[in-house]
PDB file of N, CA and C in Angstrom:
ATOM      1  N   MET A   1     -25.385 187.299 104.529  1.00  0.00           N
ATOM      2  CA  MET A   1     -24.297 186.605 103.893  1.00  0.00           C
ATOM      3  C   MET A   1     -24.379 185.130 104.280  1.00  0.00           C
ATOM      4  N   LYS A   2     -24.290 184.267 103.317  1.00  0.00           N
ATOM      5  CA  LYS A   2     -24.386 182.828 103.564  1.00  0.00           C
ATOM      6  C   LYS A   2     -23.025 182.265 103.934  1.00  0.00           C
ATOM      7  N   ALA A   3     -23.035 181.095 104.550  1.00  0.00           N
ATOM      8  CA  ALA A   3     -21.804 180.461 105.003  1.00  0.00           C
ATOM      9  C   ALA A   3     -20.863 180.168 103.840  1.00  0.00           C
ATOM     10  N   THR A   4     -21.409 179.804 102.684  1.00  0.00           N
ATOM     11  CA  THR A   4     -20.550 179.523 101.523  1.00  0.00           C
ATOM     12  C   THR A   4     -19.819 180.774 101.065  1.00  0.00           C
ATOM     13  N   GLN A   5     -20.484 181.917 101.136  1.00  0.00           N
ATOM     14  CA  GLN A   5     -19.834 183.177 100.777  1.00  0.00           C
ATOM     15  C   GLN A   5     -18.772 183.545 101.808  1.00  0.00           C
ATOM     16  N   ILE A   6     -19.037 183.258 103.061  1.00  0.00           N
ATOM     17  CA  ILE A   6     -18.088 183.573 104.130  1.00  0.00           C
ATOM     18  C   ILE A   6     -16.836 182.721 103.988  1.00  0.00           C
ATOM     19  N   ARG A   7     -16.999 181.452 103.612  1.00  0.00           N
ATOM     20  CA  ARG A   7     -15.854 180.551 103.468  1.00  0.00           C
ATOM     21  C   ARG A   7     -14.897 181.008 102.377  1.00  0.00           C
ATOM     22  N   GLU A   8     -15.382 181.781 101.410  1.00  0.00           N
ATOM     23  CA  GLU A   8     -14.541 182.294 100.339  1.00  0.00           C
ATOM     24  C   GLU A   8     -13.674 183.467 100.793  1.00  0.00           C
ATOM     25  N   LEU A   9     -14.024 184.095 101.908  1.00  0.00           N
ATOM     26  CA  LEU A   9     -13.270 185.242 102.417  1.00  0.00           C
ATOM     27  C   LEU A   9     -11.997 184.783 103.124  1.00  0.00           C
ATOM     28  N   SER A  10     -11.023 185.675 103.187  1.00  0.00           N
ATOM     29  CA  SER A  10      -9.801 185.366 103.923  1.00  0.00           C
ATOM     30  C   SER A  10     -10.053 185.558 105.422  1.00  0.00           C
ATOM     31  N   ARG A  11      -9.133 185.049 106.220  1.00  0.00           N
ATOM     32  CA  ARG A  11      -9.260 185.162 107.675  1.00  0.00           C
ATOM     33  C   ARG A  11      -9.321 186.628 108.100  1.00  0.00           C
ATOM     34  N   ASP A  12      -8.472 187.471 107.515  1.00  0.00           N
ATOM     35  CA  ASP A  12      -8.445 188.889 107.877  1.00  0.00           C
ATOM     36  C   ASP A  12      -9.750 189.594 107.526  1.00  0.00           C
ATOM     37  N   GLU A  13     -10.340 189.234 106.393  1.00  0.00           N
ATOM     38  CA  GLU A  13     -11.617 189.839 106.001  1.00  0.00           C
ATOM     39  C   GLU A  13     -12.728 189.427 106.972  1.00  0.00           C
ATOM     40  N   ILE A  14     -12.703 188.173 107.405  1.00  0.00           N
ATOM     41  CA  ILE A  14     -13.714 187.702 108.354  1.00  0.00           C
ATOM     42  C   ILE A  14     -13.560 188.424 109.690  1.00  0.00           C
ATOM     43  N   VAL A  15     -12.325 188.567 110.154  1.00  0.00           N
ATOM     44  CA  VAL A  15     -12.076 189.249 111.428  1.00  0.00           C
ATOM     45  C   VAL A  15     -12.528 190.708 111.344  1.00  0.00           C
ATOM     46  N   ALA A  16     -12.259 191.363 110.218  1.00  0.00           N
ATOM     47  CA  ALA A  16     -12.687 192.756 110.047  1.00  0.00           C
ATOM     48  C   ALA A  16     -14.212 192.863 110.060  1.00  0.00           C
ATOM     49  N   ARG A  17     -14.873 191.934 109.395  1.00  0.00           N
ATOM     50  CA  ARG A  17     -16.335 191.942 109.345  1.00  0.00           C
ATOM     51  C   ARG A  17     -16.933 191.682 110.731  1.00  0.00           C
ATOM     52  N   VAL A  18     -16.305 190.796 111.502  1.00  0.00           N
ATOM     53  CA  VAL A  18     -16.763 190.527 112.874  1.00  0.00           C
ATOM     54  C   VAL A  18     -16.680 191.812 113.697  1.00  0.00           C
ATOM     55  N   GLY A  19     -15.584 192.539 113.560  1.00  0.00           N
ATOM     56  CA  GLY A  19     -15.432 193.800 114.290  1.00  0.00           C
ATOM     57  C   GLY A  19     -16.503 194.812 113.927  1.00  0.00           C
ATOM     58  N   GLU A  20     -16.802 194.925 112.632  1.00  0.00           N
ATOM     59  CA  GLU A  20     -17.841 195.853 112.182  1.00  0.00           C
ATOM     60  C   GLU A  20     -19.203 195.480 112.770  1.00  0.00           C
ATOM     61  N   LEU A  21     -19.521 194.193 112.714  1.00  0.00           N
ATOM     62  CA  LEU A  21     -20.831 193.757 113.197  1.00  0.00           C
ATOM     63  C   LEU A  21     -20.951 193.868 114.716  1.00  0.00           C
ATOM     64  N   GLU A  22     -19.861 193.639 115.432  1.00  0.00           N
ATOM     65  CA  GLU A  22     -19.921 193.797 116.884  1.00  0.00           C
ATOM     66  C   GLU A  22     -20.158 195.251 117.261  1.00  0.00           C
ATOM     67  N   ARG A  23     -19.540 196.183 116.530  1.00  0.00           N
ATOM     68  CA  ARG A  23     -19.797 197.607 116.771  1.00  0.00           C
ATOM     69  C   ARG A  23     -21.246 197.951 116.458  1.00  0.00           C
ATOM     70  N   GLU A  24     -21.751 197.418 115.331  1.00  0.00           N
ATOM     71  CA  GLU A  24     -23.135 197.690 114.955  1.00  0.00           C
ATOM     72  C   GLU A  24     -24.100 197.111 115.994  1.00  0.00           C
ATOM     73  N   ARG A  25     -23.814 195.902 116.475  1.00  0.00           N
ATOM     74  CA  ARG A  25     -24.672 195.285 117.495  1.00  0.00           C
ATOM     75  C   ARG A  25     -24.678 196.114 118.776  1.00  0.00           C
ATOM     76  N   PHE A  26     -23.498 196.599 119.180  1.00  0.00           N
ATOM     77  CA  PHE A  26     -23.418 197.445 120.371  1.00  0.00           C
ATOM     78  C   PHE A  26     -24.284 198.694 120.193  1.00  0.00           C
ATOM     79  N   ASN A  27     -24.136 199.348 119.041  1.00  0.00           N
ATOM     80  CA  ASN A  27     -24.907 200.571 118.793  1.00  0.00           C
ATOM     81  C   ASN A  27     -26.408 200.296 118.766  1.00  0.00           C
ATOM     82  N   LEU A  28     -26.809 199.187 118.154  1.00  0.00           N
ATOM     83  CA  LEU A  28     -28.230 198.842 118.106  1.00  0.00           C
ATOM     84  C   LEU A  28     -28.774 198.569 119.503  1.00  0.00           C
ATOM     85  N   ARG A  29     -28.019 197.835 120.300  1.00  0.00           N
ATOM     86  CA  ARG A  29     -28.481 197.530 121.662  1.00  0.00           C
ATOM     87  C   ARG A  29     -28.556 198.797 122.505  1.00  0.00           C
ATOM     88  N   PHE A  30     -27.593 199.676 122.338  1.00  0.00           N
ATOM     89  CA  PHE A  30     -27.587 200.930 123.086  1.00  0.00           C
ATOM     90  C   PHE A  30     -28.789 201.784 122.699  1.00  0.00           C
ATOM     91  N   ARG A  31     -29.036 201.912 121.389  1.00  0.00           N
ATOM     92  CA  ARG A  31     -30.159 202.718 120.931  1.00  0.00           C
ATOM     93  C   ARG A  31     -31.495 202.109 121.311  1.00  0.00           C
ATOM     94  N   SER A  32     -31.568 200.771 121.339  1.00  0.00           N
ATOM     95  CA  SER A  32     -32.842 200.135 121.680  1.00  0.00           C
ATOM     96  C   SER A  32     -33.233 200.417 123.125  1.00  0.00           C
ATOM     97  N   GLY A  33     -32.267 200.717 123.956  1.00  0.00           N
ATOM     98  CA  GLY A  33     -32.559 201.043 125.340  1.00  0.00           C
ATOM     99  C   GLY A  33     -33.041 202.465 125.527  1.00  0.00           C
ATOM    100  N   THR A  34     -32.728 203.329 124.588  1.00  0.00           N
ATOM    101  CA  THR A  34     -33.095 204.733 124.741  1.00  0.00           C
ATOM    102  C   THR A  34     -34.230 205.175 123.838  1.00  0.00           C
ATOM    103  N   GLN A  35     -34.406 204.475 122.708  1.00  0.00           N
ATOM    104  CA  GLN A  35     -35.457 204.867 121.762  1.00  0.00           C
ATOM    105  C   GLN A  35     -35.868 203.646 120.939  1.00  0.00           C
ATOM    106  N   PRO A  36     -37.044 203.668 120.349  1.00  0.00           N
ATOM    107  CA  PRO A  36     -37.438 202.531 119.500  1.00  0.00           C
ATOM    108  C   PRO A  36     -36.595 202.489 118.231  1.00  0.00           C
ATOM    109  N   LEU A  37     -36.245 201.276 117.816  1.00  0.00           N
ATOM    110  CA  LEU A  37     -35.429 201.111 116.617  1.00  0.00           C
ATOM    111  C   LEU A  37     -36.293 201.201 115.366  1.00  0.00           C
ATOM    112  N   ASP A  38     -35.694 201.704 114.270  1.00  0.00           N
ATOM    113  CA  ASP A  38     -36.402 201.755 112.990  1.00  0.00           C
ATOM    114  C   ASP A  38     -36.669 200.340 112.482  1.00  0.00           C
ATOM    115  N   ASP A  39     -35.667 199.452 112.622  1.00  0.00           N
ATOM    116  CA  ASP A  39     -35.776 198.073 112.167  1.00  0.00           C
ATOM    117  C   ASP A  39     -35.339 197.145 113.303  1.00  0.00           C
ATOM    118  N   PRO A  40     -36.267 196.765 114.164  1.00  0.00           N
ATOM    119  CA  PRO A  40     -35.884 195.945 115.312  1.00  0.00           C
ATOM    120  C   PRO A  40     -35.359 194.558 114.934  1.00  0.00           C
ATOM    121  N   LEU A  41     -35.697 194.059 113.753  1.00  0.00           N
ATOM    122  CA  LEU A  41     -35.204 192.748 113.330  1.00  0.00           C
ATOM    123  C   LEU A  41     -33.735 192.795 112.915  1.00  0.00           C
ATOM    124  N   ARG A  42     -33.199 193.985 112.697  1.00  0.00           N
ATOM    125  CA  ARG A  42     -31.791 194.113 112.312  1.00  0.00           C
ATOM    126  C   ARG A  42     -30.881 193.540 113.402  1.00  0.00           C
ATOM    127  N   LEU A  43     -31.282 193.681 114.650  1.00  0.00           N
ATOM    128  CA  LEU A  43     -30.496 193.149 115.766  1.00  0.00           C
ATOM    129  C   LEU A  43     -30.367 191.631 115.640  1.00  0.00           C
ATOM    130  N   ARG A  44     -31.436 190.964 115.293  1.00  0.00           N
ATOM    131  CA  ARG A  44     -31.408 189.510 115.116  1.00  0.00           C
ATOM    132  C   ARG A  44     -30.521 189.119 113.926  1.00  0.00           C
ATOM    133  N   VAL A  45     -30.650 189.861 112.831  1.00  0.00           N
ATOM    134  CA  VAL A  45     -29.853 189.580 111.635  1.00  0.00           C
ATOM    135  C   VAL A  45     -28.364 189.726 111.938  1.00  0.00           C
ATOM    136  N   VAL A  46     -28.000 190.779 112.641  1.00  0.00           N
ATOM    137  CA  VAL A  46     -26.601 191.014 112.990  1.00  0.00           C
ATOM    138  C   VAL A  46     -26.078 189.899 113.889  1.00  0.00           C
ATOM    139  N   ARG A  47     -26.866 189.503 114.866  1.00  0.00           N
ATOM    140  CA  ARG A  47     -26.456 188.450 115.788  1.00  0.00           C
ATOM    141  C   ARG A  47     -26.212 187.125 115.056  1.00  0.00           C
ATOM    142  N   ARG A  48     -27.092 186.790 114.133  1.00  0.00           N
ATOM    143  CA  ARG A  48     -26.944 185.536 113.395  1.00  0.00           C
ATOM    144  C   ARG A  48     -25.760 185.578 112.434  1.00  0.00           C
ATOM    145  N   GLU A  49     -25.547 186.720 111.802  1.00  0.00           N
ATOM    146  CA  GLU A  49     -24.402 186.834 110.895  1.00  0.00           C
ATOM    147  C   GLU A  49     -23.091 186.737 111.675  1.00  0.00           C
ATOM    148  N   LEU A  50     -23.064 187.331 112.855  1.00  0.00           N
ATOM    149  CA  LEU A  50     -21.885 187.205 113.715  1.00  0.00           C
ATOM    150  C   LEU A  50     -21.615 185.739 114.047  1.00  0.00           C
ATOM    151  N   ALA A  51     -22.651 185.001 114.358  1.00  0.00           N
ATOM    152  CA  ALA A  51     -22.497 183.589 114.683  1.00  0.00           C
ATOM    153  C   ALA A  51     -21.958 182.816 113.485  1.00  0.00           C
ATOM    154  N   ARG A  52     -22.465 183.113 112.299  1.00  0.00           N
ATOM    155  CA  ARG A  52     -21.966 182.440 111.093  1.00  0.00           C
ATOM    156  C   ARG A  52     -20.494 182.736 110.861  1.00  0.00           C
ATOM    157  N   LEU A  53     -20.128 184.007 110.992  1.00  0.00           N
ATOM    158  CA  LEU A  53     -18.733 184.399 110.782  1.00  0.00           C
ATOM    159  C   LEU A  53     -17.809 183.706 111.777  1.00  0.00           C
ATOM    160  N   LYS A  54     -18.208 183.703 113.039  1.00  0.00           N
ATOM    161  CA  LYS A  54     -17.368 183.089 114.066  1.00  0.00           C
ATOM    162  C   LYS A  54     -17.277 181.578 113.881  1.00  0.00           C
ATOM    163  N   THR A  55     -18.349 180.959 113.397  1.00  0.00           N
ATOM    164  CA  THR A  55     -18.333 179.522 113.145  1.00  0.00           C
ATOM    165  C   THR A  55     -17.339 179.184 112.035  1.00  0.00           C
ATOM    166  N   VAL A  56     -17.392 179.928 110.944  1.00  0.00           N
ATOM    167  CA  VAL A  56     -16.476 179.678 109.827  1.00  0.00           C
ATOM    168  C   VAL A  56     -15.043 179.966 110.249  1.00  0.00           C
ATOM    169  N   LEU A  57     -14.848 180.998 111.036  1.00  0.00           N
ATOM    170  CA  LEU A  57     -13.510 181.326 111.529  1.00  0.00           C
ATOM    171  C   LEU A  57     -12.965 180.185 112.375  1.00  0.00           C
ATOM    172  N   ARG A  58     -13.814 179.619 113.196  1.00  0.00           N
ATOM    173  CA  ARG A  58     -13.412 178.475 114.032  1.00  0.00           C
ATOM    174  C   ARG A  58     -13.118 177.244 113.177  1.00  0.00           C
ATOM    175  N   GLU A  59     -13.930 177.018 112.125  1.00  0.00           N
ATOM    176  CA  GLU A  59     -13.677 175.899 111.214  1.00  0.00           C
ATOM    177  C   GLU A  59     -12.315 176.032 110.562  1.00  0.00           C
ATOM    178  N   LYS A  60     -11.991 177.256 110.125  1.00  0.00           N
ATOM    179  CA  LYS A  60     -10.693 177.482 109.484  1.00  0.00           C
ATOM    180  C   LYS A  60      -9.549 177.248 110.466  1.00  0.00           C
ATOM    181  N   ALA A  61      -9.742 177.644 111.718  1.00  0.00           N
ATOM    182  CA  ALA A  61      -8.693 177.474 112.720  1.00  0.00           C
ATOM    183  C   ALA A  61      -8.462 176.001 113.019  1.00  0.00           C
ATOM    184  N   THR A  62      -9.516 175.222 113.128  1.00  0.00           N
ATOM    185  CA  THR A  62      -9.358 173.804 113.435  1.00  0.00           C
ATOM    186  C   THR A  62      -8.850 173.031 112.218  1.00  0.00           C
ATOM    187  N   ALA A  63      -9.203 173.483 111.020  1.00  0.00           N
ATOM    188  CA  ALA A  63      -8.702 172.816 109.813  1.00  0.00           C
ATOM    189  C   ALA A  63      -7.200 173.036 109.675  1.00  0.00           C
ATOM    190  N   ARG A  64      -6.747 174.202 110.081  1.00  0.00           N
ATOM    191  CA  ARG A  64      -5.321 174.527 109.974  1.00  0.00           C
ATOM    192  C   ARG A  64      -4.492 173.702 110.970  1.00  0.00           C
ATOM    193  N   THR A  65      -5.071 173.450 112.152  1.00  0.00           N
ATOM    194  CA  THR A  65      -4.338 172.705 113.165  1.00  0.00           C
ATOM    195  C   THR A  65      -4.574 171.207 113.053  1.00  0.00           C
ATOM    196  N   GLY A  66      -5.467 170.791 112.188  1.00  0.00           N
ATOM    197  CA  GLY A  66      -5.708 169.370 112.003  1.00  0.00           C
ATOM    198  C   GLY A  66      -6.790 168.780 112.874  1.00  0.00           C
ATOM    199  N   GLY A  67      -7.630 169.617 113.465  1.00  0.00           N
ATOM    200  CA  GLY A  67      -8.719 169.116 114.302  1.00  0.00           C
ATOM    201  C   GLY A  67      -8.219 168.581 115.629  1.00  0.00           C
ATOM    202  N   LYS A  68      -8.780 167.451 116.058  1.00  0.00           N
ATOM    203  CA  LYS A  68      -8.410 166.875 117.368  1.00  0.00           C
ATOM    204  C   LYS A  68      -7.016 166.388 117.390  1.00  0.00           C
TER     205      LYS A  68
END
């Protein structure tokens, strides 16, 4: 998901998506310790998408408060 698509989502949708991805990241990390992953690059994709979501969420929070 690109940042422009994320910016179109509401705050609640972004928070829900962050929760889903954090659960998926936990499960991937747990499984990677016990067995080889089918798609080891999925962990990287999830981590980067989480960063994008959190960045946009932070932008929305600072825009609402007026920045500095």
